[in-house]
Amino acid sequence: QVQLVESGGGSVQAGGSLRLSCATSGLTFTNYGMGWFRRAPGKEREFVAAISKSGSLTYYAASVKGRFIISRDNAANTVSLQMNSLRPEDTAVYYCSAGTTAAATMREAVDYWGKGTLVTVSS
């Protein structure tokens, strides 16, 4: 019933930008803090960004702060991740998540996951 579908992944050169989107259905969107995670080749899944239910609060991993921007459109039931100044180490499968709060999302206490979209950054 609940579905999170990421889009916008692809290949880009270092220094470039991509915008990821996550379309949701089957849930009351404003009841959830939303987040983005990623899993790089050979590494564990890591937190990237989270946003509160209203969109007033945002949280970022230190590795992406200042480069990535998370936002949500509560009218469209979507959450986005604008990625700028991309680096090869940003290469990963990026996952959208929905959880009770943004703070809980930071510790991966989430209820739903998307299937992921691949981002490849070439040097």
Protein backbone atom coordinates (compact mmCIF):
# COMPACT_ATOMS: atom_id res chain seq x y z
CA GLN A 1 0.00 0.00 0.00
CA VAL A 2 2.72 2.48 1.00
CA GLN A 3 5.04 3.26 -1.85
CA LEU A 4 8.11 5.48 -2.10
CA VAL A 5 9.59 5.83 -5.57
CA GLU A 6 12.86 7.67 -6.19
CA SER A 7 13.80 9.26 -9.48
CA GLY A 8 16.46 11.56 -10.87
CA GLY A 9 19.54 9.41 -10.46
CA GLY A 10 22.13 9.11 -13.17
CA SER A 11 25.73 9.80 -14.10
CA VAL A 12 27.36 13.18 -13.69
CA GLN A 13 30.87 14.57 -13.69
CA ALA A 14 32.50 15.82 -10.52
CA GLY A 15 31.34 19.33 -9.72
CA GLY A 16 27.98 18.81 -11.37
CA SER A 17 24.49 18.71 -9.91
CA LEU A 18 21.56 16.35 -9.74
CA ARG A 19 18.11 16.62 -8.22
CA LEU A 20 16.52 13.51 -6.76
CA SER A 21 12.81 13.24 -6.15
CA CYS A 22 10.75 10.80 -4.09
CA ALA A 23 7.09 10.38 -4.91
CA THR A 24 4.98 8.87 -2.14
CA SER A 25 1.57 7.22 -2.04
CA GLY A 26 -0.51 5.25 0.43
CA LEU A 27 0.43 7.36 3.45
CA THR A 28 -0.57 10.62 5.07
CA PHE A 29 2.48 12.50 3.93
CA THR A 30 2.41 15.27 6.54
CA ASN A 31 2.48 12.68 9.36
CA TYR A 32 6.04 11.70 8.45
CA GLY A 33 9.48 13.09 8.68
CA MET A 34 11.26 12.32 5.44
CA GLY A 35 14.85 11.44 4.80
CA TRP A 36 17.52 10.42 2.36
CA PHE A 37 20.15 7.75 2.89
CA ARG A 38 22.81 6.30 0.66
CA ARG A 39 24.88 3.17 0.32
CA ALA A 40 28.20 3.49 -1.47
CA PRO A 41 29.96 0.47 -2.98
CA GLY A 42 31.54 -1.61 -0.24
CA LYS A 43 30.18 0.59 2.55
CA GLU A 44 27.32 0.58 5.03
CA ARG A 45 24.20 2.64 4.56
CA GLU A 46 24.62 6.16 5.88
CA PHE A 47 22.35 9.04 6.73
CA VAL A 48 22.35 11.94 4.28
CA ALA A 49 19.54 14.36 5.16
CA ALA A 50 16.18 14.61 6.90
CA ILE A 51 13.33 17.09 7.02
CA SER A 52 10.58 17.58 9.58
CA LYS A 53 6.89 17.08 8.92
CA SER A 54 6.26 20.76 8.29
CA GLY A 55 9.55 21.32 6.49
CA SER A 56 10.72 23.82 9.10
CA LEU A 57 13.68 21.75 10.31
CA THR A 58 16.37 20.10 8.24
CA TYR A 59 19.33 17.93 9.19
CA TYR A 60 22.39 16.98 7.19
CA ALA A 61 25.35 14.70 7.45
CA ALA A 62 28.58 16.65 7.78
CA SER A 63 29.81 15.20 4.50
CA VAL A 64 27.03 16.87 2.50
CA LYS A 65 26.18 19.97 4.51
CA GLY A 66 26.48 23.07 2.36
CA ARG A 67 26.27 21.03 -0.85
CA PHE A 68 22.94 19.20 -0.59
CA ILE A 69 19.50 20.64 0.14
CA ILE A 70 16.49 18.61 1.22
CA SER A 71 13.00 19.97 0.66
CA ARG A 72 9.44 18.74 0.63
CA ASP A 73 6.26 19.66 -1.17
CA ASN A 74 3.37 18.72 1.07
CA ALA A 75 0.85 19.53 -1.64
CA ALA A 76 2.49 17.09 -4.04
CA ASN A 77 3.49 14.50 -1.39
CA THR A 78 7.09 14.55 -2.54
CA VAL A 79 10.50 15.06 -1.02
CA SER A 80 13.55 16.16 -3.00
CA LEU A 81 17.30 16.24 -2.62
CA GLN A 82 19.19 18.86 -4.57
CA MET A 83 22.81 17.75 -4.85
CA ASN A 84 25.41 20.31 -5.88
CA SER A 85 29.19 20.21 -6.18
CA LEU A 86 29.08 16.46 -6.48
CA ARG A 87 32.18 14.44 -5.70
CA PRO A 88 33.18 10.91 -6.70
CA GLU A 89 32.68 9.82 -3.09
CA ASP A 90 29.00 10.76 -3.44
CA THR A 91 28.59 7.78 -5.76
CA ALA A 92 25.97 5.55 -4.16
CA VAL A 93 22.47 4.21 -4.32
CA TYR A 94 20.25 6.84 -2.73
CA TYR A 95 17.17 5.82 -0.76
CA CYS A 96 14.15 7.82 0.29
CA SER A 97 12.63 7.12 3.72
CA ALA A 98 9.57 7.99 5.80
CA GLY A 99 9.63 7.94 9.60
CA THR A 100 7.85 9.27 12.66
CA THR A 101 10.13 12.30 12.99
CA ALA A 102 13.18 13.76 11.33
CA ALA A 103 15.19 13.13 14.51
CA ALA A 104 14.23 9.47 14.48
CA THR A 105 15.18 9.31 10.82
CA MET A 106 18.72 10.39 11.70
CA ARG A 107 19.14 7.18 13.71
CA GLU A 108 17.44 5.12 10.98
CA ALA A 109 14.26 4.58 12.98
CA VAL A 110 12.12 4.72 9.86
CA ASP A 111 8.93 3.01 8.80
CA TYR A 112 9.26 2.87 5.03
CA TRP A 113 12.01 2.75 2.42
CA GLY A 114 12.14 3.32 -1.28
CA LYS A 115 14.00 0.94 -3.55
CA GLY A 116 16.74 3.42 -4.39
CA THR A 117 18.17 5.27 -7.35
CA LEU A 118 21.80 5.11 -8.46
CA VAL A 119 23.99 8.21 -8.58
CA THR A 120 27.39 7.88 -10.22
CA VAL A 121 29.88 10.75 -10.05
CA SER A 122 32.91 10.44 -12.29
CA SER A 123 36.24 12.11 -11.63
